[in-house]
């Protein structure tokens, strides 16, 4: 398995979350990457942090989101970031984080997070109208799909997660 650099940026190019992961493979849902417990990550230029539990990430083709599937005891079973379409090139997967997040907690609750940050950044960073519309459509689709446990949210991640736990 090869290593891939995961690089989230904010709109305008500022560095956001970034870390290395193992490229696990591809299926009908997209590209899967994983990292074991104790993976070191960094948000922007802040001090490094340690991801305590193993996780896998899904980078769909031609969709405005990414998803992390976390092993227990992480409180969020699924954490989706609304992003620009992920681009895989030169050993990296990159995208711009558009603030909104959809989470499925271990108790089954599905939450839409950071709506205030999304509203603020629309003005501060002058998100184009189409970017705002795409982000809102993606968030609505994810809220429905994650709650209904359809598509990649139906347990498709289990076989990939077994490769890193």
Protein backbone atom coordinates (compact mmCIF):
# COMPACT_ATOMS: atom_id res chain seq x y z
CA UNK A 1 0.00 0.00 0.00
CA UNK A 2 1.28 3.43 -0.86
CA UNK A 3 1.20 6.52 1.27
CA UNK A 4 -0.82 9.57 0.33
CA UNK A 5 -0.76 13.09 1.77
CA UNK A 6 -4.23 14.38 2.72
CA UNK A 7 -4.38 18.17 2.48
CA UNK A 8 -7.45 20.21 3.38
CA UNK A 9 -7.23 23.92 2.68
CA UNK A 10 -9.66 26.70 3.46
CA UNK A 11 -11.22 28.78 0.67
CA UNK A 12 -8.49 31.02 -0.67
CA UNK A 13 -5.74 28.47 -0.06
CA UNK A 14 -4.86 28.69 3.66
CA UNK A 15 -3.59 25.36 4.96
CA UNK A 16 -6.10 23.48 7.14
CA UNK A 17 -5.93 19.83 8.32
CA UNK A 18 -3.13 17.75 6.78
CA UNK A 19 -1.59 14.35 7.46
CA UNK A 20 -0.37 11.19 5.80
CA UNK A 21 -2.53 8.10 5.26
CA UNK A 22 -2.25 4.73 3.54
CA UNK A 23 -3.97 4.51 0.18
CA UNK A 24 -6.20 1.44 0.64
CA UNK A 25 -7.98 1.17 -2.70
CA UNK A 26 -11.04 2.21 -4.67
CA UNK A 27 -14.60 1.01 -5.05
CA UNK A 28 -17.86 2.35 -6.45
CA UNK A 29 -17.91 5.03 -3.73
CA UNK A 30 -14.47 6.50 -4.44
CA UNK A 31 -10.93 6.39 -3.09
CA UNK A 32 -10.32 5.03 0.42
CA UNK A 33 -7.38 5.97 2.62
CA UNK A 34 -6.74 4.88 6.18
CA UNK A 35 -4.63 5.62 9.16
CA UNK A 36 -3.99 3.66 12.34
CA UNK A 37 -4.41 4.93 15.88
CA UNK A 38 -1.78 7.46 16.97
CA UNK A 39 -1.47 9.05 13.52
CA UNK A 40 0.03 12.52 13.73
CA UNK A 41 -1.92 15.32 12.05
CA UNK A 42 -1.76 19.07 12.00
CA UNK A 43 -4.27 21.88 11.53
CA UNK A 44 -2.62 24.65 9.55
CA UNK A 45 0.61 25.58 11.27
CA UNK A 46 -0.61 24.76 14.77
CA UNK A 47 1.24 22.20 16.91
CA UNK A 48 0.84 18.59 15.83
CA UNK A 49 -1.99 16.53 17.28
CA UNK A 50 -2.49 12.78 17.55
CA UNK A 51 -5.56 11.01 16.18
CA UNK A 52 -6.12 8.44 18.91
CA UNK A 53 -8.38 6.01 17.03
CA UNK A 54 -7.98 4.38 13.62
CA UNK A 55 -10.07 5.80 10.81
CA UNK A 56 -10.68 5.51 7.11
CA UNK A 57 -11.46 8.37 4.78
CA UNK A 58 -13.55 8.30 1.64
CA UNK A 59 -12.86 10.70 -1.21
CA UNK A 60 -15.76 10.36 -3.66
CA UNK A 61 -15.45 11.07 -7.34
CA UNK A 62 -17.13 14.28 -8.49
CA UNK A 63 -18.85 15.06 -5.17
CA UNK A 64 -18.50 18.07 -2.88
CA UNK A 65 -17.68 16.23 0.35
CA UNK A 66 -15.33 13.82 2.08
CA UNK A 67 -16.09 11.37 4.90
CA UNK A 68 -14.16 9.95 7.83
CA UNK A 69 -15.32 6.72 9.45
CA UNK A 70 -13.92 6.42 12.96
CA UNK A 71 -13.41 3.30 15.04
CA UNK A 72 -14.83 3.23 18.58
CA UNK A 73 -14.57 4.83 21.04
CA UNK A 74 -14.51 8.01 18.91
CA UNK A 75 -17.76 9.84 19.69
CA UNK A 76 -18.45 10.56 16.00
CA UNK A 77 -18.92 7.36 14.01
CA UNK A 78 -18.98 9.36 10.76
CA UNK A 79 -17.66 12.86 10.15
CA UNK A 80 -18.31 14.39 6.73
CA UNK A 81 -16.72 17.62 5.58
CA UNK A 82 -18.41 19.66 2.89
CA UNK A 83 -15.56 20.45 0.47
CA UNK A 84 -14.76 21.19 -3.11
CA UNK A 85 -14.38 18.04 -5.21
CA UNK A 86 -11.29 16.15 -3.95
CA UNK A 87 -8.39 16.05 -6.41
CA UNK A 88 -5.87 13.19 -6.39
CA UNK A 89 -2.53 14.05 -7.96
CA UNK A 90 1.18 13.60 -7.29
CA UNK A 91 0.73 11.55 -4.11
CA UNK A 92 -1.76 13.99 -2.59
CA UNK A 93 -5.48 14.32 -2.18
CA UNK A 94 -6.46 17.97 -1.85
CA UNK A 95 -9.68 19.92 -1.44
CA UNK A 96 -11.01 23.15 0.07
CA UNK A 97 -13.00 22.76 3.29
CA UNK A 98 -16.24 24.75 3.07
CA UNK A 99 -16.96 24.73 6.81
CA UNK A 100 -20.19 22.73 6.98
CA UNK A 101 -19.95 19.27 8.55
CA UNK A 102 -22.39 16.37 8.84
CA UNK A 103 -21.82 13.95 11.73
CA UNK A 104 -23.40 10.71 12.82
CA UNK A 105 -22.76 10.17 16.49
CA UNK A 106 -22.43 6.73 18.06
CA UNK A 107 -25.94 7.09 19.53
CA UNK A 108 -27.38 7.53 15.99
CA UNK A 109 -27.98 11.29 16.07
CA UNK A 110 -27.18 13.06 12.79
CA UNK A 111 -26.01 16.66 13.14
CA UNK A 112 -25.29 19.55 10.79
CA UNK A 113 -22.42 21.51 12.30
CA UNK A 114 -20.74 24.88 11.70
CA UNK A 115 -23.62 26.61 9.92
CA UNK A 116 -22.54 29.86 11.61
CA UNK A 117 -18.98 29.52 10.30
CA UNK A 118 -20.32 28.77 6.80
CA UNK A 119 -22.50 31.90 6.88
CA UNK A 120 -19.61 34.05 8.16
CA UNK A 121 -17.14 32.72 5.58
CA UNK A 122 -19.55 33.27 2.69
CA UNK A 123 -19.14 36.98 3.35
CA UNK A 124 -15.55 37.08 4.63
CA UNK A 125 -14.09 35.03 1.76
CA UNK A 126 -16.66 35.94 -0.91
CA UNK A 127 -17.68 32.38 -1.74
CA UNK A 128 -19.12 32.35 -5.27
CA UNK A 129 -22.87 31.72 -5.43
CA UNK A 130 -22.34 28.33 -7.14
CA UNK A 131 -19.98 27.21 -4.34
CA UNK A 132 -22.60 28.16 -1.74
CA UNK A 133 -25.31 26.27 -3.66
CA UNK A 134 -23.12 23.18 -4.11
CA UNK A 135 -22.21 23.17 -0.41
CA UNK A 136 -25.86 23.48 0.63
CA UNK A 137 -26.94 20.69 -1.75
CA UNK A 138 -24.15 18.43 -0.51
CA UNK A 139 -25.05 19.06 3.13
CA UNK A 140 -28.73 18.27 2.48
CA UNK A 141 -27.84 15.07 0.58
CA UNK A 142 -25.45 13.97 3.32
CA UNK A 143 -27.97 14.65 6.10
CA UNK A 144 -30.46 12.39 4.33
CA UNK A 145 -28.00 9.66 3.26
CA UNK A 146 -26.11 9.45 6.54
CA UNK A 147 -29.38 9.29 8.52
CA UNK A 148 -30.89 6.66 6.18
CA UNK A 149 -27.62 4.67 6.15
CA UNK A 150 -27.57 4.50 2.35
CA UNK A 151 -24.70 4.52 -0.13
CA UNK A 152 -21.30 4.51 1.51
CA UNK A 153 -22.93 5.09 4.91
CA UNK A 154 -24.42 1.58 5.08
CA UNK A 155 -21.31 -0.09 6.47
CA UNK A 156 -19.25 0.01 3.27
CA UNK A 157 -16.36 1.34 5.33
CA UNK A 158 -16.08 -1.77 7.53
CA UNK A 159 -13.86 -3.77 5.19
CA UNK A 160 -11.56 -0.78 4.69
CA UNK A 161 -11.38 -0.03 8.41
CA UNK A 162 -10.40 -3.66 9.07
CA UNK A 163 -7.21 -2.96 7.08
CA UNK A 164 -6.00 -0.32 9.56
CA UNK A 165 -7.25 -1.61 12.94
